[in-house]
C-alpha atoms as a PDB file:
ATOM      1  CA  MET A   1     101.148 169.430  59.650  1.00  0.00           C
ATOM      2  CA  GLU A   2     100.516 171.562  56.505  1.00  0.00           C
ATOM      3  CA  ASP A   3      96.863 172.360  55.088  1.00  0.00           C
ATOM      4  CA  HIS A   4      97.077 171.004  51.425  1.00  0.00           C
ATOM      5  CA  GLY A   5      93.699 172.726  50.677  1.00  0.00           C
ATOM      6  CA  ARG A   6      91.728 171.401  47.780  1.00  0.00           C
ATOM      7  CA  SER A   7      92.222 170.809  44.250  1.00  0.00           C
ATOM      8  CA  PRO A   8      92.835 173.666  41.793  1.00  0.00           C
ATOM      9  CA  PHE A   9      90.123 172.651  39.401  1.00  0.00           C
ATOM     10  CA  ASP A  10      86.525 172.769  39.616  1.00  0.00           C
ATOM     11  CA  GLN A  11      84.436 169.841  38.732  1.00  0.00           C
ATOM     12  CA  ASP A  12      83.809 171.216  35.486  1.00  0.00           C
ATOM     13  CA  GLY A  13      87.674 171.100  35.025  1.00  0.00           C
ATOM     14  CA  THR A  14      87.925 174.772  34.807  1.00  0.00           C
ATOM     15  CA  THR A  15      90.512 176.261  37.353  1.00  0.00           C
ATOM     16  CA  GLY A  16      89.346 177.089  40.812  1.00  0.00           C
ATOM     17  CA  SER A  17      91.795 178.148  43.402  1.00  0.00           C
ATOM     18  CA  GLY A  18      94.579 177.410  40.566  1.00  0.00           C
ATOM     19  CA  THR A  19      95.031 181.011  40.151  1.00  0.00           C
ATOM     20  CA  GLU A  20      95.837 181.739  43.702  1.00  0.00           C
ATOM     21  CA  GLU A  21      98.205 178.836  43.677  1.00  0.00           C
ATOM     22  CA  ALA A  22      99.979 180.049  40.623  1.00  0.00           C
ATOM     23  CA  ASP A  23     100.713 183.148  42.231  1.00  0.00           C
ATOM     24  CA  GLU A  24     102.275 181.520  45.259  1.00  0.00           C
ATOM     25  CA  VAL A  25     104.225 179.428  43.050  1.00  0.00           C
ATOM     26  CA  ARG A  26     105.517 182.202  41.184  1.00  0.00           C
ATOM     27  CA  ARG A  27     106.287 184.520  44.585  1.00  0.00           C
ATOM     28  CA  PHE A  28     108.347 181.409  45.378  1.00  0.00           C
ATOM     29  CA  TRP A  29     110.536 181.606  42.316  1.00  0.00           C
ATOM     30  CA  THR A  30     110.862 185.349  42.260  1.00  0.00           C
ATOM     31  CA  ARG A  31     111.807 185.840  45.667  1.00  0.00           C
ATOM     32  CA  LEU A  32     114.818 183.400  44.554  1.00  0.00           C
ATOM     33  CA  GLY A  33     115.457 185.591  41.636  1.00  0.00           C
ATOM     34  CA  LEU A  34     114.782 182.800  38.968  1.00  0.00           C
ATOM     35  CA  PRO A  35     113.179 182.911  35.509  1.00  0.00           C
ATOM     36  CA  GLY A  36     110.797 180.215  36.575  1.00  0.00           C
ATOM     37  CA  LEU A  37     110.923 176.416  37.278  1.00  0.00           C
ATOM     38  CA  VAL A  38     112.381 173.461  35.484  1.00  0.00           C
ATOM     39  CA  ASP A  39     110.437 170.195  36.390  1.00  0.00           C
ATOM     40  CA  VAL A  40     111.940 166.929  35.114  1.00  0.00           C
ATOM     41  CA  HIS A  41     109.234 164.662  36.406  1.00  0.00           C
ATOM     42  CA  THR A  42     105.590 165.399  35.566  1.00  0.00           C
ATOM     43  CA  HIS A  43     103.627 163.004  33.572  1.00  0.00           C
ATOM     44  CA  PHE A  44     101.681 163.259  29.919  1.00  0.00           C
ATOM     45  CA  MET A  45     100.715 160.331  28.405  1.00  0.00           C
ATOM     46  CA  PRO A  46      97.762 159.120  26.160  1.00  0.00           C
ATOM     47  CA  GLU A  47      94.415 160.173  27.885  1.00  0.00           C
ATOM     48  CA  ARG A  48      93.118 156.609  27.864  1.00  0.00           C
ATOM     49  CA  VAL A  49      96.440 155.463  29.294  1.00  0.00           C
ATOM     50  CA  LEU A  50      96.264 158.256  32.137  1.00  0.00           C
ATOM     51  CA  ARG A  51      92.745 157.518  33.275  1.00  0.00           C
ATOM     52  CA  LYS A  52      93.768 153.797  33.531  1.00  0.00           C
ATOM     53  CA  VAL A  53      96.883 155.199  35.708  1.00  0.00           C
ATOM     54  CA  TRP A  54      94.106 157.243  37.752  1.00  0.00           C
ATOM     55  CA  ASP A  55      91.858 154.375  38.220  1.00  0.00           C
ATOM     56  CA  TYR A  56      94.584 152.362  39.679  1.00  0.00           C
ATOM     57  CA  PHE A  57      95.529 155.086  41.925  1.00  0.00           C
ATOM     58  CA  ASP A  58      91.968 155.307  43.249  1.00  0.00           C
ATOM     59  CA  GLY A  59      91.680 151.733  43.273  1.00  0.00           C
ATOM     60  CA  LEU A  60      94.512 151.475  45.859  1.00  0.00           C
ATOM     61  CA  GLY A  61      96.765 149.063  43.789  1.00  0.00           C
ATOM     62  CA  PRO A  62      99.499 147.144  45.448  1.00  0.00           C
ATOM     63  CA  LEU A  63     102.228 149.676  43.520  1.00  0.00           C
ATOM     64  CA  THR A  64     100.964 152.541  45.566  1.00  0.00           C
ATOM     65  CA  GLY A  65     101.178 150.712  48.753  1.00  0.00           C
ATOM     66  CA  GLY A  66      97.747 150.465  48.742  1.00  0.00           C
ATOM     67  CA  ILE A  67      97.621 154.066  50.275  1.00  0.00           C
ATOM     68  CA  GLU A  68      95.010 156.327  49.782  1.00  0.00           C
ATOM     69  CA  TRP A  69      96.030 158.426  47.055  1.00  0.00           C
ATOM     70  CA  PRO A  70      93.878 161.334  45.634  1.00  0.00           C
ATOM     71  CA  ILE A  71      94.702 162.825  42.442  1.00  0.00           C
ATOM     72  CA  THR A  72      94.976 166.498  42.819  1.00  0.00           C
ATOM     73  CA  TYR A  73      95.173 167.649  39.053  1.00  0.00           C
ATOM     74  CA  ARG A  74      92.567 165.500  37.362  1.00  0.00           C
ATOM     75  CA  ALA A  75      91.772 167.598  34.327  1.00  0.00           C
ATOM     76  CA  GLU A  76      92.086 167.882  30.738  1.00  0.00           C
ATOM     77  CA  GLU A  77      95.671 167.666  29.063  1.00  0.00           C
ATOM     78  CA  ASP A  78      95.367 171.108  27.646  1.00  0.00           C
ATOM     79  CA  GLN A  79      94.424 172.696  31.143  1.00  0.00           C
ATOM     80  CA  ARG A  80      97.085 170.634  33.085  1.00  0.00           C
ATOM     81  CA  ALA A  81      99.771 171.717  30.569  1.00  0.00           C
ATOM     82  CA  ALA A  82      98.097 175.430  30.799  1.00  0.00           C
ATOM     83  CA  LEU A  83      98.341 175.028  34.583  1.00  0.00           C
ATOM     84  CA  LEU A  84     102.047 174.293  34.724  1.00  0.00           C
ATOM     85  CA  ARG A  85     102.837 177.190  32.481  1.00  0.00           C
ATOM     86  CA  ASP A  86     100.828 179.370  35.114  1.00  0.00           C
ATOM     87  CA  PHE A  87     103.207 178.107  37.781  1.00  0.00           C
ATOM     88  CA  GLY A  88     106.251 179.420  35.646  1.00  0.00           C
ATOM     89  CA  VAL A  89     107.372 176.227  34.822  1.00  0.00           C
ATOM     90  CA  ARG A  90     109.635 176.767  31.899  1.00  0.00           C
ATOM     91  CA  ALA A  91     110.489 173.252  31.043  1.00  0.00           C
ATOM     92  CA  PHE A  92     108.427 169.919  31.857  1.00  0.00           C
ATOM     93  CA  THR A  93     108.511 166.319  30.773  1.00  0.00           C
ATOM     94  CA  ALA A  94     106.046 163.825  29.812  1.00  0.00           C
ATOM     95  CA  MET A  95     106.858 160.921  31.994  1.00  0.00           C
ATOM     96  CA  LEU A  96     105.350 157.766  30.055  1.00  0.00           C
ATOM     97  CA  TYR A  97     106.210 153.956  30.717  1.00  0.00           C
ATOM     98  CA  PRO A  98     105.117 150.761  29.399  1.00  0.00           C
ATOM     99  CA  HIS A  99     104.107 147.748  31.350  1.00  0.00           C
ATOM    100  CA  LYS A 100     104.330 145.142  28.856  1.00  0.00           C
ATOM    101  CA  PRO A 101     106.267 144.555  25.769  1.00  0.00           C
ATOM    102  CA  GLY A 102     105.147 145.941  22.163  1.00  0.00           C
ATOM    103  CA  MET A 103     103.971 149.513  24.115  1.00  0.00           C
ATOM    104  CA  ALA A 104     106.997 151.512  24.269  1.00  0.00           C
ATOM    105  CA  ARG A 105     106.972 152.153  20.639  1.00  0.00           C
ATOM    106  CA  TRP A 106     103.580 153.344  20.509  1.00  0.00           C
ATOM    107  CA  LEU A 107     104.142 155.596  23.324  1.00  0.00           C
ATOM    108  CA  ASN A 108     106.978 157.081  22.045  1.00  0.00           C
ATOM    109  CA  ASP A 109     105.425 157.930  18.585  1.00  0.00           C
ATOM    110  CA  TRP A 110     102.546 159.577  20.686  1.00  0.00           C
ATOM    111  CA  ALA A 111     105.212 161.443  22.504  1.00  0.00           C
ATOM    112  CA  VAL A 112     106.420 163.038  19.211  1.00  0.00           C
ATOM    113  CA  ASP A 113     103.460 164.445  18.752  1.00  0.00           C
ATOM    114  CA  PHE A 114     102.817 165.767  22.306  1.00  0.00           C
ATOM    115  CA  ALA A 115     106.154 167.870  22.166  1.00  0.00           C
ATOM    116  CA  ARG A 116     105.235 169.196  19.010  1.00  0.00           C
ATOM    117  CA  ARG A 117     101.712 170.646  19.969  1.00  0.00           C
ATOM    118  CA  THR A 118     102.881 171.608  23.735  1.00  0.00           C
ATOM    119  CA  PRO A 119     105.008 174.540  24.453  1.00  0.00           C
ATOM    120  CA  GLY A 120     107.436 173.978  27.318  1.00  0.00           C
ATOM    121  CA  THR A 121     107.513 169.974  26.981  1.00  0.00           C
ATOM    122  CA  LEU A 122     111.073 168.095  27.128  1.00  0.00           C
ATOM    123  CA  HIS A 123     110.439 165.623  24.377  1.00  0.00           C
ATOM    124  CA  THR A 124     110.387 162.622  26.301  1.00  0.00           C
ATOM    125  CA  ALA A 125     110.507 158.741  25.459  1.00  0.00           C
ATOM    126  CA  THR A 126     110.628 155.309  27.201  1.00  0.00           C
ATOM    127  CA  LEU A 127     111.826 151.890  26.682  1.00  0.00           C
ATOM    128  CA  PHE A 128     111.235 148.411  27.655  1.00  0.00           C
ATOM    129  CA  PRO A 129     113.430 145.121  27.611  1.00  0.00           C
ATOM    130  CA  GLU A 130     112.545 143.404  24.130  1.00  0.00           C
ATOM    131  CA  PRO A 131     114.142 142.481  21.126  1.00  0.00           C
ATOM    132  CA  ASP A 132     113.787 145.692  19.037  1.00  0.00           C
ATOM    133  CA  VAL A 133     114.482 148.455  22.164  1.00  0.00           C
ATOM    134  CA  ARG A 134     117.790 149.268  20.797  1.00  0.00           C
ATOM    135  CA  ALA A 135     116.330 150.050  17.214  1.00  0.00           C
ATOM    136  CA  TYR A 136     113.234 152.243  18.454  1.00  0.00           C
ATOM    137  CA  VAL A 137     115.511 153.788  21.077  1.00  0.00           C
ATOM    138  CA  GLY A 138     117.583 155.306  18.386  1.00  0.00           C
ATOM    139  CA  GLU A 139     114.751 156.126  16.582  1.00  0.00           C
ATOM    140  CA  ALA A 140     113.568 158.340  19.188  1.00  0.00           C
ATOM    141  CA  VAL A 141     116.561 159.948  19.820  1.00  0.00           C
ATOM    142  CA  GLU A 142     117.193 160.844  16.141  1.00  0.00           C
ATOM    143  CA  ALA A 143     113.512 162.171  16.575  1.00  0.00           C
ATOM    144  CA  GLY A 144     114.627 164.679  19.097  1.00  0.00           C
ATOM    145  CA  ALA A 145     113.703 162.753  22.559  1.00  0.00           C
ATOM    146  CA  ARG A 146     115.685 165.038  25.327  1.00  0.00           C
ATOM    147  CA  VAL A 147     114.907 162.454  28.268  1.00  0.00           C
ATOM    148  CA  PHE A 148     114.086 159.182  28.707  1.00  0.00           C
ATOM    149  CA  LYS A 149     111.512 157.525  31.218  1.00  0.00           C
ATOM    150  CA  ALA A 150     112.254 153.719  32.726  1.00  0.00           C
ATOM    151  CA  HIS A 151     109.997 152.417  35.289  1.00  0.00           C
ATOM    152  CA  VAL A 152     111.568 149.202  36.998  1.00  0.00           C
ATOM    153  CA  GLN A 153     108.644 149.117  39.587  1.00  0.00           C
ATOM    154  CA  VAL A 154     105.704 149.029  36.949  1.00  0.00           C
ATOM    155  CA  GLY A 155     107.503 147.429  34.306  1.00  0.00           C
ATOM    156  CA  ALA A 156     108.714 144.664  36.491  1.00  0.00           C
ATOM    157  CA  TYR A 157     112.000 144.062  34.718  1.00  0.00           C
ATOM    158  CA  ASP A 158     115.699 144.062  35.559  1.00  0.00           C
ATOM    159  CA  PRO A 159     117.279 147.028  34.505  1.00  0.00           C
ATOM    160  CA  ALA A 160     120.439 145.312  33.684  1.00  0.00           C
ATOM    161  CA  ASP A 161     118.828 142.782  31.079  1.00  0.00           C
ATOM    162  CA  GLU A 162     121.133 142.179  28.496  1.00  0.00           C
ATOM    163  CA  ARG A 163     118.379 143.146  25.830  1.00  0.00           C
ATOM    164  CA  LEU A 164     118.563 147.104  27.466  1.00  0.00           C
ATOM    165  CA  ASP A 165     122.225 146.555  27.386  1.00  0.00           C
ATOM    166  CA  GLY A 166     122.343 148.516  23.898  1.00  0.00           C
ATOM    167  CA  ALA A 167     119.694 150.467  24.547  1.00  0.00           C
ATOM    168  CA  TRP A 168     121.999 152.016  27.603  1.00  0.00           C
ATOM    169  CA  GLY A 169     124.978 152.245  25.596  1.00  0.00           C
ATOM    170  CA  LEU A 170     123.346 154.194  22.997  1.00  0.00           C
ATOM    171  CA  LEU A 171     121.722 156.929  25.544  1.00  0.00           C
ATOM    172  CA  ALA A 172     125.196 156.978  27.272  1.00  0.00           C
ATOM    173  CA  GLU A 173     126.978 157.765  23.970  1.00  0.00           C
ATOM    174  CA  ALA A 174     123.926 160.377  23.103  1.00  0.00           C
ATOM    175  CA  ARG A 175     124.013 161.949  26.391  1.00  0.00           C
ATOM    176  CA  VAL A 176     120.441 161.743  26.893  1.00  0.00           C
ATOM    177  CA  PRO A 177     119.369 161.607  30.518  1.00  0.00           C
ATOM    178  CA  VAL A 178     117.088 158.856  31.947  1.00  0.00           C
ATOM    179  CA  VAL A 179     114.751 159.349  34.659  1.00  0.00           C
ATOM    180  CA  ILE A 180     114.528 156.158  36.362  1.00  0.00           C
ATOM    181  CA  HIS A 181     112.269 154.781  38.924  1.00  0.00           C
ATOM    182  CA  CYS A 182     114.307 152.014  40.554  1.00  0.00           C
ATOM    183  CA  GLY A 183     113.913 152.537  44.288  1.00  0.00           C
ATOM    184  CA  SER A 184     111.442 150.419  46.441  1.00  0.00           C
ATOM    185  CA  GLY A 185     109.067 153.017  47.293  1.00  0.00           C
ATOM    186  CA  PRO A 186     106.098 153.365  47.719  1.00  0.00           C
ATOM    187  CA  ALA A 187     105.979 149.519  47.074  1.00  0.00           C
ATOM    188  CA  PRO A 188     108.867 147.255  46.214  1.00  0.00           C
ATOM    189  CA  GLY A 189     109.261 145.272  42.957  1.00  0.00           C
ATOM    190  CA  LYS A 190     111.460 142.197  41.973  1.00  0.00           C
ATOM    191  CA  HIS A 191     113.934 144.388  40.588  1.00  0.00           C
ATOM    192  CA  THR A 192     113.843 147.400  42.517  1.00  0.00           C
ATOM    193  CA  GLY A 193     116.759 148.551  44.749  1.00  0.00           C
ATOM    194  CA  PRO A 194     120.039 150.174  44.269  1.00  0.00           C
ATOM    195  CA  GLU A 195     121.561 146.542  43.077  1.00  0.00           C
ATOM    196  CA  PRO A 196     120.387 146.169  39.583  1.00  0.00           C
ATOM    197  CA  ILE A 197     120.977 149.944  38.652  1.00  0.00           C
ATOM    198  CA  ALA A 198     124.500 149.571  40.096  1.00  0.00           C
ATOM    199  CA  ARG A 199     125.099 146.752  37.632  1.00  0.00           C
ATOM    200  CA  VAL A 200     123.803 148.877  34.885  1.00  0.00           C
ATOM    201  CA  LEU A 201     126.212 151.667  35.927  1.00  0.00           C
ATOM    202  CA  ALA A 202     129.403 149.350  36.176  1.00  0.00           C
ATOM    203  CA  ARG A 203     128.754 148.774  32.580  1.00  0.00           C
ATOM    204  CA  HIS A 204     127.815 152.299  31.438  1.00  0.00           C
ATOM    205  CA  PRO A 205     129.346 154.562  33.908  1.00  0.00           C
ATOM    206  CA  ARG A 206     128.747 157.764  31.402  1.00  0.00           C
ATOM    207  CA  LEU A 207     125.012 156.974  31.525  1.00  0.00           C
ATOM    208  CA  ARG A 208     122.955 160.214  32.574  1.00  0.00           C
ATOM    209  CA  LEU A 209     120.932 158.712  35.095  1.00  0.00           C
ATOM    210  CA  ILE A 210     118.150 160.745  37.122  1.00  0.00           C
ATOM    211  CA  VAL A 211     117.010 158.679  40.333  1.00  0.00           C
ATOM    212  CA  ALA A 212     113.436 159.321  40.727  1.00  0.00           C
ATOM    213  CA  HIS A 213     111.952 160.233  44.265  1.00  0.00           C
ATOM    214  CA  MET A 214     115.437 160.623  45.368  1.00  0.00           C
ATOM    215  CA  GLY A 215     115.907 156.703  45.472  1.00  0.00           C
ATOM    216  CA  MET A 216     112.789 156.263  48.005  1.00  0.00           C
ATOM    217  CA  PRO A 217     113.165 154.549  50.659  1.00  0.00           C
ATOM    218  CA  GLU A 218     116.918 153.547  49.711  1.00  0.00           C
ATOM    219  CA  TYR A 219     118.271 157.169  50.003  1.00  0.00           C
ATOM    220  CA  GLU A 220     121.434 156.823  51.267  1.00  0.00           C
ATOM    221  CA  ASP A 221     122.173 153.872  48.741  1.00  0.00           C
ATOM    222  CA  PHE A 222     121.417 155.912  46.064  1.00  0.00           C
ATOM    223  CA  LEU A 223     122.941 158.862  47.374  1.00  0.00           C
ATOM    224  CA  ASP A 224     126.335 156.455  47.358  1.00  0.00           C
ATOM    225  CA  LEU A 225     125.886 155.678  43.732  1.00  0.00           C
ATOM    226  CA  ALA A 226     125.400 159.328  43.113  1.00  0.00           C
ATOM    227  CA  GLU A 227     128.854 159.906  44.860  1.00  0.00           C
ATOM    228  CA  ARG A 228     130.639 157.365  42.755  1.00  0.00           C
ATOM    229  CA  TYR A 229     129.529 158.239  39.462  1.00  0.00           C
ATOM    230  CA  GLU A 230     129.531 161.779  38.222  1.00  0.00           C
ATOM    231  CA  GLN A 231     126.830 161.285  35.618  1.00  0.00           C
ATOM    232  CA  VAL A 232     124.214 160.028  38.224  1.00  0.00           C
ATOM    233  CA  ARG A 233     121.785 162.804  39.483  1.00  0.00           C
ATOM    234  CA  LEU A 234     118.615 162.556  41.842  1.00  0.00           C
ATOM    235  CA  ASP A 235     114.947 164.164  41.485  1.00  0.00           C
ATOM    236  CA  THR A 236     113.151 165.214  44.631  1.00  0.00           C
ATOM    237  CA  THR A 237     109.727 163.957  43.270  1.00  0.00           C
ATOM    238  CA  MET A 238     107.278 163.137  46.188  1.00  0.00           C
ATOM    239  CA  ALA A 239     110.361 163.503  48.814  1.00  0.00           C
ATOM    240  CA  PHE A 240     110.465 165.834  51.788  1.00  0.00           C
ATOM    241  CA  THR A 241     106.888 166.175  51.615  1.00  0.00           C
ATOM    242  CA  ASP A 242     104.357 165.428  54.610  1.00  0.00           C
ATOM    243  CA  PHE A 243     103.032 162.551  52.501  1.00  0.00           C
ATOM    244  CA  THR A 244     106.179 160.795  52.085  1.00  0.00           C
ATOM    245  CA  GLU A 245     107.534 161.641  55.310  1.00  0.00           C
ATOM    246  CA  ARG A 246     104.787 159.505  56.843  1.00  0.00           C
ATOM    247  CA  LEU A 247     105.837 157.003  54.804  1.00  0.00           C
ATOM    248  CA  ALA A 248     109.330 156.523  54.027  1.00  0.00           C
ATOM    249  CA  PRO A 249     111.285 159.725  56.205  1.00  0.00           C
ATOM    250  CA  PHE A 250     114.205 161.125  54.662  1.00  0.00           C
ATOM    251  CA  PRO A 251     117.301 160.351  57.005  1.00  0.00           C
ATOM    252  CA  ARG A 252     118.516 163.515  58.751  1.00  0.00           C
ATOM    253  CA  ARG A 253     121.709 162.501  58.739  1.00  0.00           C
ATOM    254  CA  ALA A 254     121.927 162.598  54.925  1.00  0.00           C
ATOM    255  CA  LEU A 255     120.784 166.142  54.490  1.00  0.00           C
ATOM    256  CA  PRO A 256     124.393 167.161  54.293  1.00  0.00           C
ATOM    257  CA  ARG A 257     125.031 165.089  51.333  1.00  0.00           C
ATOM    258  CA  LEU A 258     122.413 167.119  49.538  1.00  0.00           C
ATOM    259  CA  THR A 259     124.536 170.102  49.767  1.00  0.00           C
ATOM    260  CA  HIS A 260     127.595 168.050  48.729  1.00  0.00           C
ATOM    261  CA  LEU A 261     125.558 167.269  45.718  1.00  0.00           C
ATOM    262  CA  ALA A 262     123.680 170.194  44.944  1.00  0.00           C
ATOM    263  CA  ASP A 263     124.653 170.465  41.459  1.00  0.00           C
ATOM    264  CA  ARG A 264     123.073 167.338  40.704  1.00  0.00           C
ATOM    265  CA  VAL A 265     119.693 167.301  42.681  1.00  0.00           C
ATOM    266  CA  LEU A 266     116.800 168.174  40.216  1.00  0.00           C
ATOM    267  CA  LEU A 267     113.159 169.188  40.871  1.00  0.00           C
ATOM    268  CA  GLY A 268     110.577 166.735  40.217  1.00  0.00           C
ATOM    269  CA  SER A 269     107.399 167.002  41.086  1.00  0.00           C
ATOM    270  CA  ASP A 270     105.207 163.649  39.949  1.00  0.00           C
ATOM    271  CA  PHE A 271     102.249 166.360  38.570  1.00  0.00           C
ATOM    272  CA  PRO A 272      99.339 165.785  38.024  1.00  0.00           C
ATOM    273  CA  ASN A 273      99.538 162.163  39.939  1.00  0.00           C
ATOM    274  CA  ILE A 274      99.985 163.880  43.306  1.00  0.00           C
ATOM    275  CA  PRO A 275      97.840 163.744  46.636  1.00  0.00           C
ATOM    276  CA  TYR A 276      98.641 167.265  47.350  1.00  0.00           C
ATOM    277  CA  PRO A 277      98.951 170.640  45.727  1.00  0.00           C
ATOM    278  CA  TYR A 278     102.487 171.593  43.610  1.00  0.00           C
ATOM    279  CA  LEU A 279     103.068 174.338  45.780  1.00  0.00           C
ATOM    280  CA  HIS A 280     103.429 171.851  48.873  1.00  0.00           C
ATOM    281  CA  GLN A 281     106.875 170.188  47.043  1.00  0.00           C
ATOM    282  CA  LEU A 282     108.206 173.310  46.548  1.00  0.00           C
ATOM    283  CA  ARG A 283     107.754 174.325  50.383  1.00  0.00           C
ATOM    284  CA  ALA A 284     109.014 171.015  51.414  1.00  0.00           C
ATOM    285  CA  LEU A 285     112.086 171.713  49.803  1.00  0.00           C
ATOM    286  CA  GLU A 286     112.081 175.377  51.072  1.00  0.00           C
ATOM    287  CA  ARG A 287     112.024 173.871  54.645  1.00  0.00           C
ATOM    288  CA  LEU A 288     115.007 171.773  54.544  1.00  0.00           C
ATOM    289  CA  ASP A 289     116.779 174.854  55.203  1.00  0.00           C
ATOM    290  CA  LEU A 290     119.678 173.958  52.828  1.00  0.00           C
ATOM    291  CA  GLY A 291     119.710 177.810  51.616  1.00  0.00           C
ATOM    292  CA  ASP A 292     118.696 179.823  48.716  1.00  0.00           C
ATOM    293  CA  ASP A 293     121.621 178.864  46.440  1.00  0.00           C
ATOM    294  CA  TRP A 294     120.818 175.397  46.986  1.00  0.00           C
ATOM    295  CA  LEU A 295     117.078 176.181  46.130  1.00  0.00           C
ATOM    296  CA  ARG A 296     118.018 177.975  43.085  1.00  0.00           C
ATOM    297  CA  MET A 297     120.194 175.235  41.568  1.00  0.00           C
ATOM    298  CA  VAL A 298     117.723 172.452  42.608  1.00  0.00           C
ATOM    299  CA  CYS A 299     114.563 174.118  41.533  1.00  0.00           C
ATOM    300  CA  HIS A 300     115.661 175.808  38.097  1.00  0.00           C
ATOM    301  CA  ASP A 301     119.540 175.919  37.533  1.00  0.00           C
ATOM    302  CA  ASN A 302     120.701 172.111  37.311  1.00  0.00           C
ATOM    303  CA  GLY A 303     117.775 171.225  35.199  1.00  0.00           C
ATOM    304  CA  ALA A 304     118.169 174.276  32.502  1.00  0.00           C
ATOM    305  CA  ARG A 305     121.920 173.486  32.331  1.00  0.00           C
ATOM    306  CA  LEU A 306     121.247 169.842  32.025  1.00  0.00           C
ATOM    307  CA  PHE A 307     118.419 170.263  29.020  1.00  0.00           C
ATOM    308  CA  GLY A 308     120.041 173.566  27.257  1.00  0.00           C
ATOM    309  CA  VAL A 309     117.059 175.865  28.514  1.00  0.00           C
END
């Protein structure tokens, strides 16, 4: 078992071992001949919302599977963003999501300001099935949103809900990617799993969906969707790490399929809400032994091409 070490932040919020970890992360991508990393799954949201998310993890809530889940990068927003830049992450997202109606538009307004004041961020927006969803999704696209986040598990909604149909169509037409947590890990929801999102794709086959967490734990079902729809991608968020392999191991028989889909697998981390250092996600990908070309595509080139970095 790999030694995950301690948080790179001291109790006062300043970087402790962060410099050492940043050096190791930089060595990782420098060895590959890359200019840095592109991470499509990092979380930034209004501080009071993020603190509630952390409280939920601390309380071993049912959506986390009741698993002990220490937050490795518990620090102020500017310190977290600075650490990603220290790691050499050239572009990262502000994955934010509502859990009830009337919340998404407010989150999107916050995200406009965050994108303006945070170098390196890909302007992120979100959505929820409600009467005005198509209107505010259109407003977010007009405001420059480059990626959307949808969270079927937390939002407890059917992604094929007819109220979302116009929004999916708009995003497909605008070619704006959507990172969607639709797999049933770490705990299943009423509308998680491959079937609901397959109904969305049947209606909107050009929708640029990025399936979070490689679709954990229904990995092979979501690989099937990626092979069926050329605009479906998967992100590596928490997949292949020691933490996840204990809970929902990726089937070894499916590894060759990752090489066939090499141009549609994207680096995701879940920073800062991860129970281990950022470096461990990179090493977990490296130890798959799928080759340096695969690592280069996943850790940088695929994301850079998709978002024009």
